[in-house]
ModelCIF file with pLDDT and N, C-alpha, C, O atoms, coordinates in Angstrom:
data_MODEL
#
_entry.id   MODEL 
#
_entity.id                         1 
_entity.type                       polymer 
_entity.pdbx_number_of_molecules   1 
#
_entity_poly.entity_id                      1 
_entity_poly.type                           'polypeptide(L)' 
_entity_poly.nstd_linkage                   no 
_entity_poly.nstd_monomer                   no 
_entity_poly.pdbx_seq_one_letter_code       YVKPNVISIDYNTNPKKILKKINIPIQGGINPKLLLGSK 
_entity_poly.pdbx_seq_one_letter_code_can   YVKPNVISIDYNTNPKKILKKINIPIQGGINPKLLLGSK 
_entity_poly.pdbx_strand_id                 A 
#
loop_
_entity_poly_seq.entity_id 
_entity_poly_seq.num 
_entity_poly_seq.mon_id 
_entity_poly_seq.hetero 
1 1  TYR n 
1 2  VAL n 
1 3  LYS n 
1 4  PRO n 
1 5  ASN n 
1 6  VAL n 
1 7  ILE n 
1 8  SER n 
1 9  ILE n 
1 10 ASP n 
1 11 TYR n 
1 12 ASN n 
1 13 THR n 
1 14 ASN n 
1 15 PRO n 
1 16 LYS n 
1 17 LYS n 
1 18 ILE n 
1 19 LEU n 
1 20 LYS n 
1 21 LYS n 
1 22 ILE n 
1 23 ASN n 
1 24 ILE n 
1 25 PRO n 
1 26 ILE n 
1 27 GLN n 
1 28 GLY n 
1 29 GLY n 
1 30 ILE n 
1 31 ASN n 
1 32 PRO n 
1 33 LYS n 
1 34 LEU n 
1 35 LEU n 
1 36 LEU n 
1 37 GLY n 
1 38 SER n 
1 39 LYS n 
#
_struct_asym.id          A 
_struct_asym.entity_id   1 
#
loop_
_ma_qa_metric.id 
_ma_qa_metric.mode 
_ma_qa_metric.name 
_ma_qa_metric.software_group_id 
_ma_qa_metric.type 
1 global pLDDT . pLDDT 
2 local  pLDDT . pLDDT 
#
_ma_qa_metric_global.metric_id      1 
_ma_qa_metric_global.metric_value   95.33 
_ma_qa_metric_global.model_id       1 
_ma_qa_metric_global.ordinal_id     1 
#
loop_
_ma_qa_metric_local.label_asym_id 
_ma_qa_metric_local.label_comp_id 
_ma_qa_metric_local.label_seq_id 
_ma_qa_metric_local.metric_id 
_ma_qa_metric_local.metric_value 
_ma_qa_metric_local.model_id 
_ma_qa_metric_local.ordinal_id 
A TYR 1  2 97.00 1 1  
A VAL 2  2 98.00 1 2  
A LYS 3  2 97.00 1 3  
A PRO 4  2 98.00 1 4  
A ASN 5  2 97.00 1 5  
A VAL 6  2 97.00 1 6  
A ILE 7  2 97.00 1 7  
A SER 8  2 97.00 1 8  
A ILE 9  2 96.00 1 9  
A ASP 10 2 95.00 1 10 
A TYR 11 2 94.00 1 11 
A ASN 12 2 93.00 1 12 
A THR 13 2 94.00 1 13 
A ASN 14 2 94.00 1 14 
A PRO 15 2 94.00 1 15 
A LYS 16 2 94.00 1 16 
A LYS 17 2 93.00 1 17 
A ILE 18 2 93.00 1 18 
A LEU 19 2 92.00 1 19 
A LYS 20 2 90.00 1 20 
A LYS 21 2 89.00 1 21 
A ILE 22 2 92.00 1 22 
A ASN 23 2 91.00 1 23 
A ILE 24 2 94.00 1 24 
A PRO 25 2 94.00 1 25 
A ILE 26 2 95.00 1 26 
A GLN 27 2 97.00 1 27 
A GLY 28 2 97.00 1 28 
A GLY 29 2 96.00 1 29 
A ILE 30 2 97.00 1 30 
A ASN 31 2 97.00 1 31 
A PRO 32 2 97.00 1 32 
A LYS 33 2 98.00 1 33 
A LEU 34 2 98.00 1 34 
A LEU 35 2 98.00 1 35 
A LEU 36 2 98.00 1 36 
A GLY 37 2 96.00 1 37 
A SER 38 2 97.00 1 38 
A LYS 39 2 97.00 1 39 
#
loop_
_atom_site.group_PDB 
_atom_site.id 
_atom_site.type_symbol 
_atom_site.label_atom_id 
_atom_site.label_alt_id 
_atom_site.label_comp_id 
_atom_site.label_asym_id 
_atom_site.label_entity_id 
_atom_site.label_seq_id 
_atom_site.pdbx_PDB_ins_code 
_atom_site.Cartn_x 
_atom_site.Cartn_y 
_atom_site.Cartn_z 
_atom_site.occupancy 
_atom_site.B_iso_or_equiv 
_atom_site.pdbx_formal_charge 
_atom_site.auth_seq_id 
_atom_site.auth_comp_id 
_atom_site.auth_asym_id 
_atom_site.auth_atom_id 
_atom_site.pdbx_PDB_model_num 
ATOM 1   N N  . TYR A 1 1  ? -13.390 4.769  -9.659  1.00 97.00 ? 1  TYR A N  1 
ATOM 2   C CA . TYR A 1 1  ? -13.805 4.724  -11.107 1.00 97.00 ? 1  TYR A CA 1 
ATOM 3   C C  . TYR A 1 1  ? -12.690 4.175  -11.993 1.00 97.00 ? 1  TYR A C  1 
ATOM 4   O O  . TYR A 1 1  ? -12.040 5.045  -12.573 1.00 97.00 ? 1  TYR A O  1 
ATOM 5   N N  . VAL A 1 2  ? -12.379 3.058  -12.189 1.00 98.00 ? 2  VAL A N  1 
ATOM 6   C CA . VAL A 1 2  ? -10.624 2.214  -13.505 1.00 98.00 ? 2  VAL A CA 1 
ATOM 7   C C  . VAL A 1 2  ? -10.849 1.319  -12.524 1.00 98.00 ? 2  VAL A C  1 
ATOM 8   O O  . VAL A 1 2  ? -9.937  0.530  -12.770 1.00 98.00 ? 2  VAL A O  1 
ATOM 9   N N  . LYS A 1 3  ? -11.601 0.724  -11.271 1.00 97.00 ? 3  LYS A N  1 
ATOM 10  C CA . LYS A 1 3  ? -11.570 -0.640 -11.244 1.00 97.00 ? 3  LYS A CA 1 
ATOM 11  C C  . LYS A 1 3  ? -10.366 -1.473 -11.880 1.00 97.00 ? 3  LYS A C  1 
ATOM 12  O O  . LYS A 1 3  ? -10.306 -2.095 -12.940 1.00 97.00 ? 3  LYS A O  1 
ATOM 13  N N  . PRO A 1 4  ? -9.746  -1.340 -11.210 1.00 98.00 ? 4  PRO A N  1 
ATOM 14  C CA . PRO A 1 4  ? -8.210  -2.467 -11.445 1.00 98.00 ? 4  PRO A CA 1 
ATOM 15  C C  . PRO A 1 4  ? -8.543  -3.321 -10.203 1.00 98.00 ? 4  PRO A C  1 
ATOM 16  O O  . PRO A 1 4  ? -9.085  -2.962 -9.158  1.00 98.00 ? 4  PRO A O  1 
ATOM 17  N N  . ASN A 1 5  ? -8.092  -4.523 -10.564 1.00 97.00 ? 5  ASN A N  1 
ATOM 18  C CA . ASN A 1 5  ? -7.760  -5.948 -9.859  1.00 97.00 ? 5  ASN A CA 1 
ATOM 19  C C  . ASN A 1 5  ? -7.681  -5.080 -8.659  1.00 97.00 ? 5  ASN A C  1 
ATOM 20  O O  . ASN A 1 5  ? -8.625  -4.797 -7.921  1.00 97.00 ? 5  ASN A O  1 
ATOM 21  N N  . VAL A 1 6  ? -6.419  -4.679 -8.545  1.00 97.00 ? 6  VAL A N  1 
ATOM 22  C CA . VAL A 1 6  ? -4.960  -5.454 -8.057  1.00 97.00 ? 6  VAL A CA 1 
ATOM 23  C C  . VAL A 1 6  ? -5.082  -3.132 -7.457  1.00 97.00 ? 6  VAL A C  1 
ATOM 24  O O  . VAL A 1 6  ? -5.681  -2.327 -8.171  1.00 97.00 ? 6  VAL A O  1 
ATOM 25  N N  . ILE A 1 7  ? -4.440  -2.770 -6.268  1.00 97.00 ? 7  ILE A N  1 
ATOM 26  C CA . ILE A 1 7  ? -4.351  -1.242 -6.283  1.00 97.00 ? 7  ILE A CA 1 
ATOM 27  C C  . ILE A 1 7  ? -2.764  -1.111 -5.678  1.00 97.00 ? 7  ILE A C  1 
ATOM 28  O O  . ILE A 1 7  ? -2.432  -1.499 -4.558  1.00 97.00 ? 7  ILE A O  1 
ATOM 29  N N  . SER A 1 8  ? -2.147  -0.676 -6.357  1.00 97.00 ? 8  SER A N  1 
ATOM 30  C CA . SER A 1 8  ? -0.801  -0.410 -5.113  1.00 97.00 ? 8  SER A CA 1 
ATOM 31  C C  . SER A 1 8  ? -0.410  0.430  -4.697  1.00 97.00 ? 8  SER A C  1 
ATOM 32  O O  . SER A 1 8  ? -0.502  1.260  -5.601  1.00 97.00 ? 8  SER A O  1 
ATOM 33  N N  . ILE A 1 9  ? 0.093   0.966  -3.737  1.00 96.00 ? 9  ILE A N  1 
ATOM 34  C CA . ILE A 1 9  ? -0.412  1.989  -2.757  1.00 96.00 ? 9  ILE A CA 1 
ATOM 35  C C  . ILE A 1 9  ? 1.894   1.979  -2.878  1.00 96.00 ? 9  ILE A C  1 
ATOM 36  O O  . ILE A 1 9  ? 2.934   1.408  -3.206  1.00 96.00 ? 9  ILE A O  1 
ATOM 37  N N  . ASP A 1 10 ? 1.063   3.379  -2.159  1.00 95.00 ? 10 ASP A N  1 
ATOM 38  C CA . ASP A 1 10 ? 2.919   4.385  -2.527  1.00 95.00 ? 10 ASP A CA 1 
ATOM 39  C C  . ASP A 1 10 ? 3.455   4.150  -0.939  1.00 95.00 ? 10 ASP A C  1 
ATOM 40  O O  . ASP A 1 10 ? 2.826   3.292  -0.318  1.00 95.00 ? 10 ASP A O  1 
ATOM 41  N N  . TYR A 1 11 ? 4.371   4.715  -0.345  1.00 94.00 ? 11 TYR A N  1 
ATOM 42  C CA . TYR A 1 11 ? 4.973   4.296  1.287   1.00 94.00 ? 11 TYR A CA 1 
ATOM 43  C C  . TYR A 1 11 ? 4.648   5.315  1.971   1.00 94.00 ? 11 TYR A C  1 
ATOM 44  O O  . TYR A 1 11 ? 4.959   5.516  3.145   1.00 94.00 ? 11 TYR A O  1 
ATOM 45  N N  . ASN A 1 12 ? 3.762   6.271  1.011   1.00 93.00 ? 12 ASN A N  1 
ATOM 46  C CA . ASN A 1 12 ? 3.135   7.691  2.401   1.00 93.00 ? 12 ASN A CA 1 
ATOM 47  C C  . ASN A 1 12 ? 1.684   7.668  2.531   1.00 93.00 ? 12 ASN A C  1 
ATOM 48  O O  . ASN A 1 12 ? 0.927   8.555  2.926   1.00 93.00 ? 12 ASN A O  1 
ATOM 49  N N  . THR A 1 13 ? 1.320   5.918  1.928   1.00 94.00 ? 13 THR A N  1 
ATOM 50  C CA . THR A 1 13 ? -0.136  5.726  2.465   1.00 94.00 ? 13 THR A CA 1 
ATOM 51  C C  . THR A 1 13 ? -0.085  5.223  3.344   1.00 94.00 ? 13 THR A C  1 
ATOM 52  O O  . THR A 1 13 ? 1.029   4.721  3.493   1.00 94.00 ? 13 THR A O  1 
ATOM 53  N N  . ASN A 1 14 ? -1.013  4.965  4.447   1.00 94.00 ? 14 ASN A N  1 
ATOM 54  C CA . ASN A 1 14 ? -1.508  4.942  5.787   1.00 94.00 ? 14 ASN A CA 1 
ATOM 55  C C  . ASN A 1 14 ? -2.254  3.376  5.110   1.00 94.00 ? 14 ASN A C  1 
ATOM 56  O O  . ASN A 1 14 ? -3.361  3.357  4.572   1.00 94.00 ? 14 ASN A O  1 
ATOM 57  N N  . PRO A 1 15 ? -1.629  2.515  5.237   1.00 94.00 ? 15 PRO A N  1 
ATOM 58  C CA . PRO A 1 15 ? -2.564  1.208  5.259   1.00 94.00 ? 15 PRO A CA 1 
ATOM 59  C C  . PRO A 1 15 ? -3.613  0.777  5.646   1.00 94.00 ? 15 PRO A C  1 
ATOM 60  O O  . PRO A 1 15 ? -4.578  0.357  5.009   1.00 94.00 ? 15 PRO A O  1 
ATOM 61  N N  . LYS A 1 16 ? -3.350  0.927  7.272   1.00 94.00 ? 16 LYS A N  1 
ATOM 62  C CA . LYS A 1 16 ? -5.150  1.408  7.940   1.00 94.00 ? 16 LYS A CA 1 
ATOM 63  C C  . LYS A 1 16 ? -5.759  2.334  7.375   1.00 94.00 ? 16 LYS A C  1 
ATOM 64  O O  . LYS A 1 16 ? -6.347  2.000  6.347   1.00 94.00 ? 16 LYS A O  1 
ATOM 65  N N  . LYS A 1 17 ? -5.803  2.958  7.555   1.00 93.00 ? 17 LYS A N  1 
ATOM 66  C CA . LYS A 1 17 ? -7.004  3.839  6.196   1.00 93.00 ? 17 LYS A CA 1 
ATOM 67  C C  . LYS A 1 17 ? -6.865  3.636  4.658   1.00 93.00 ? 17 LYS A C  1 
ATOM 68  O O  . LYS A 1 17 ? -7.691  4.157  3.908   1.00 93.00 ? 17 LYS A O  1 
ATOM 69  N N  . ILE A 1 18 ? -6.559  3.414  4.514   1.00 93.00 ? 18 ILE A N  1 
ATOM 70  C CA . ILE A 1 18 ? -6.851  2.694  2.747   1.00 93.00 ? 18 ILE A CA 1 
ATOM 71  C C  . ILE A 1 18 ? -7.786  1.441  2.569   1.00 93.00 ? 18 ILE A C  1 
ATOM 72  O O  . ILE A 1 18 ? -8.503  1.220  1.594   1.00 93.00 ? 18 ILE A O  1 
ATOM 73  N N  . LEU A 1 19 ? -7.624  0.555  3.846   1.00 92.00 ? 19 LEU A N  1 
ATOM 74  C CA . LEU A 1 19 ? -8.210  -0.509 4.989   1.00 92.00 ? 19 LEU A CA 1 
ATOM 75  C C  . LEU A 1 19 ? -9.062  -0.561 4.804   1.00 92.00 ? 19 LEU A C  1 
ATOM 76  O O  . LEU A 1 19 ? -9.720  -1.425 4.224   1.00 92.00 ? 19 LEU A O  1 
ATOM 77  N N  . LYS A 1 20 ? -9.532  1.151  5.625   1.00 90.00 ? 20 LYS A N  1 
ATOM 78  C CA . LYS A 1 20 ? -10.895 0.827  5.502   1.00 90.00 ? 20 LYS A CA 1 
ATOM 79  C C  . LYS A 1 20 ? -11.965 1.722  3.961   1.00 90.00 ? 20 LYS A C  1 
ATOM 80  O O  . LYS A 1 20 ? -13.168 1.760  3.704   1.00 90.00 ? 20 LYS A O  1 
ATOM 81  N N  . LYS A 1 21 ? -10.923 2.205  3.395   1.00 89.00 ? 21 LYS A N  1 
ATOM 82  C CA . LYS A 1 21 ? -12.187 2.334  2.282   1.00 89.00 ? 21 LYS A CA 1 
ATOM 83  C C  . LYS A 1 21 ? -12.133 1.679  0.309   1.00 89.00 ? 21 LYS A C  1 
ATOM 84  O O  . LYS A 1 21 ? -12.715 1.920  -0.749  1.00 89.00 ? 21 LYS A O  1 
ATOM 85  N N  . ILE A 1 22 ? -11.157 0.877  0.775   1.00 92.00 ? 22 ILE A N  1 
ATOM 86  C CA . ILE A 1 22 ? -10.705 0.823  -0.304  1.00 92.00 ? 22 ILE A CA 1 
ATOM 87  C C  . ILE A 1 22 ? -11.155 -1.550 -0.052  1.00 92.00 ? 22 ILE A C  1 
ATOM 88  O O  . ILE A 1 22 ? -11.331 -2.163 1.001   1.00 92.00 ? 22 ILE A O  1 
ATOM 89  N N  . ASN A 1 23 ? -11.164 -1.952 -1.136  1.00 91.00 ? 23 ASN A N  1 
ATOM 90  C CA . ASN A 1 23 ? -12.370 -3.636 -1.308  1.00 91.00 ? 23 ASN A CA 1 
ATOM 91  C C  . ASN A 1 23 ? -12.266 -4.222 -2.172  1.00 91.00 ? 23 ASN A C  1 
ATOM 92  O O  . ASN A 1 23 ? -13.078 -5.089 -2.497  1.00 91.00 ? 23 ASN A O  1 
ATOM 93  N N  . ILE A 1 24 ? -10.755 -3.790 -3.104  1.00 94.00 ? 24 ILE A N  1 
ATOM 94  C CA . ILE A 1 24 ? -10.010 -4.479 -3.322  1.00 94.00 ? 24 ILE A CA 1 
ATOM 95  C C  . ILE A 1 24 ? -8.615  -4.638 -3.113  1.00 94.00 ? 24 ILE A C  1 
ATOM 96  O O  . ILE A 1 24 ? -7.785  -3.760 -2.879  1.00 94.00 ? 24 ILE A O  1 
ATOM 97  N N  . PRO A 1 25 ? -8.335  -6.790 -3.311  1.00 94.00 ? 25 PRO A N  1 
ATOM 98  C CA . PRO A 1 25 ? -7.107  -6.853 -3.440  1.00 94.00 ? 25 PRO A CA 1 
ATOM 99  C C  . PRO A 1 25 ? -5.918  -4.856 -3.313  1.00 94.00 ? 25 PRO A C  1 
ATOM 100 O O  . PRO A 1 25 ? -6.146  -3.775 -3.856  1.00 94.00 ? 25 PRO A O  1 
ATOM 101 N N  . ILE A 1 26 ? -4.680  -5.337 -2.273  1.00 95.00 ? 26 ILE A N  1 
ATOM 102 C CA . ILE A 1 26 ? -4.212  -4.075 -1.852  1.00 95.00 ? 26 ILE A CA 1 
ATOM 103 C C  . ILE A 1 26 ? -2.889  -3.964 -2.169  1.00 95.00 ? 26 ILE A C  1 
ATOM 104 O O  . ILE A 1 26 ? -2.502  -4.952 -1.544  1.00 95.00 ? 26 ILE A O  1 
ATOM 105 N N  . GLN A 1 27 ? -1.958  -3.541 -2.634  1.00 97.00 ? 27 GLN A N  1 
ATOM 106 C CA . GLN A 1 27 ? 0.184   -4.294 -2.768  1.00 97.00 ? 27 GLN A CA 1 
ATOM 107 C C  . GLN A 1 27 ? 1.330   -2.532 -2.319  1.00 97.00 ? 27 GLN A C  1 
ATOM 108 O O  . GLN A 1 27 ? 1.305   -1.308 -2.452  1.00 97.00 ? 27 GLN A O  1 
ATOM 109 N N  . GLY A 1 28 ? 2.159   -3.654 -1.759  1.00 97.00 ? 28 GLY A N  1 
ATOM 110 C CA . GLY A 1 28 ? 2.965   -3.099 -1.821  1.00 97.00 ? 28 GLY A CA 1 
ATOM 111 C C  . GLY A 1 28 ? 2.022   -1.971 -0.587  1.00 97.00 ? 28 GLY A C  1 
ATOM 112 O O  . GLY A 1 28 ? 0.890   -2.097 -0.121  1.00 97.00 ? 28 GLY A O  1 
ATOM 113 N N  . GLY A 1 29 ? 3.509   -0.466 -0.281  1.00 96.00 ? 29 GLY A N  1 
ATOM 114 C CA . GLY A 1 29 ? 3.112   0.269  0.636   1.00 96.00 ? 29 GLY A CA 1 
ATOM 115 C C  . GLY A 1 29 ? 4.698   0.810  1.203   1.00 96.00 ? 29 GLY A C  1 
ATOM 116 O O  . GLY A 1 29 ? 5.171   1.926  1.420   1.00 96.00 ? 29 GLY A O  1 
ATOM 117 N N  . ILE A 1 30 ? 5.340   -0.886 1.338   1.00 97.00 ? 30 ILE A N  1 
ATOM 118 C CA . ILE A 1 30 ? 6.406   -0.743 2.369   1.00 97.00 ? 30 ILE A CA 1 
ATOM 119 C C  . ILE A 1 30 ? 7.675   0.389  2.348   1.00 97.00 ? 30 ILE A C  1 
ATOM 120 O O  . ILE A 1 30 ? 8.136   -0.183 1.360   1.00 97.00 ? 30 ILE A O  1 
ATOM 121 N N  . ASN A 1 31 ? 8.428   1.248  2.523   1.00 97.00 ? 31 ASN A N  1 
ATOM 122 C CA . ASN A 1 31 ? 9.025   2.313  2.410   1.00 97.00 ? 31 ASN A CA 1 
ATOM 123 C C  . ASN A 1 31 ? 10.705  1.376  1.706   1.00 97.00 ? 31 ASN A C  1 
ATOM 124 O O  . ASN A 1 31 ? 11.310  0.588  2.433   1.00 97.00 ? 31 ASN A O  1 
ATOM 125 N N  . PRO A 1 32 ? 11.118  1.650  0.440   1.00 97.00 ? 32 PRO A N  1 
ATOM 126 C CA . PRO A 1 32 ? 12.424  0.598  0.562   1.00 97.00 ? 32 PRO A CA 1 
ATOM 127 C C  . PRO A 1 32 ? 13.723  1.241  1.042   1.00 97.00 ? 32 PRO A C  1 
ATOM 128 O O  . PRO A 1 32 ? 14.756  0.684  1.413   1.00 97.00 ? 32 PRO A O  1 
ATOM 129 N N  . LYS A 1 33 ? 13.420  2.617  0.944   1.00 98.00 ? 33 LYS A N  1 
ATOM 130 C CA . LYS A 1 33 ? 14.697  2.924  2.724   1.00 98.00 ? 33 LYS A CA 1 
ATOM 131 C C  . LYS A 1 33 ? 14.424  1.997  4.059   1.00 98.00 ? 33 LYS A C  1 
ATOM 132 O O  . LYS A 1 33 ? 15.404  1.641  4.713   1.00 98.00 ? 33 LYS A O  1 
ATOM 133 N N  . LEU A 1 34 ? 13.571  1.744  4.322   1.00 98.00 ? 34 LEU A N  1 
ATOM 134 C CA . LEU A 1 34 ? 13.891  0.047  5.168   1.00 98.00 ? 34 LEU A CA 1 
ATOM 135 C C  . LEU A 1 34 ? 15.037  -0.943 5.050   1.00 98.00 ? 34 LEU A C  1 
ATOM 136 O O  . LEU A 1 34 ? 16.042  -1.383 5.607   1.00 98.00 ? 34 LEU A O  1 
ATOM 137 N N  . LEU A 1 35 ? 14.034  -1.041 3.668   1.00 98.00 ? 35 LEU A N  1 
ATOM 138 C CA . LEU A 1 35 ? 15.601  -2.503 3.339   1.00 98.00 ? 35 LEU A CA 1 
ATOM 139 C C  . LEU A 1 35 ? 17.575  -2.023 3.385   1.00 98.00 ? 35 LEU A C  1 
ATOM 140 O O  . LEU A 1 35 ? 18.581  -2.577 2.942   1.00 98.00 ? 35 LEU A O  1 
ATOM 141 N N  . LEU A 1 36 ? 17.271  -0.468 4.329   1.00 98.00 ? 36 LEU A N  1 
ATOM 142 C CA . LEU A 1 36 ? 18.862  -0.036 3.699   1.00 98.00 ? 36 LEU A CA 1 
ATOM 143 C C  . LEU A 1 36 ? 19.546  0.066  5.330   1.00 98.00 ? 36 LEU A C  1 
ATOM 144 O O  . LEU A 1 36 ? 20.641  0.327  5.829   1.00 98.00 ? 36 LEU A O  1 
ATOM 145 N N  . GLY A 1 37 ? 17.747  -0.431 5.934   1.00 96.00 ? 37 GLY A N  1 
ATOM 146 C CA . GLY A 1 37 ? 18.339  0.076  7.277   1.00 96.00 ? 37 GLY A CA 1 
ATOM 147 C C  . GLY A 1 37 ? 18.657  -1.330 8.641   1.00 96.00 ? 37 GLY A C  1 
ATOM 148 O O  . GLY A 1 37 ? 19.378  -2.248 8.250   1.00 96.00 ? 37 GLY A O  1 
ATOM 149 N N  . SER A 1 38 ? 18.299  -1.394 9.632   1.00 97.00 ? 38 SER A N  1 
ATOM 150 C CA . SER A 1 38 ? 18.034  -2.970 10.670  1.00 97.00 ? 38 SER A CA 1 
ATOM 151 C C  . SER A 1 38 ? 17.988  -3.681 9.794   1.00 97.00 ? 38 SER A C  1 
ATOM 152 O O  . SER A 1 38 ? 17.766  -3.604 8.585   1.00 97.00 ? 38 SER A O  1 
ATOM 153 N N  . LYS A 1 39 ? 18.310  -4.701 10.769  1.00 97.00 ? 39 LYS A N  1 
ATOM 154 C CA . LYS A 1 39 ? 16.836  -5.965 11.001  1.00 97.00 ? 39 LYS A CA 1 
ATOM 155 C C  . LYS A 1 39 ? 15.492  -5.878 10.970  1.00 97.00 ? 39 LYS A C  1 
ATOM 156 O O  . LYS A 1 39 ? 14.804  -6.881 11.160  1.00 97.00 ? 39 LYS A O  1 
#
């Protein structure tokens, strides 16, 4: 509906699933809490 150039996804979104449905560049999705844990 909106037709942005890029869609930014939240960390509850499955990147594999969204890739099957979306045909524009994708941004984000990584949980910021991972930067608090182990390397």
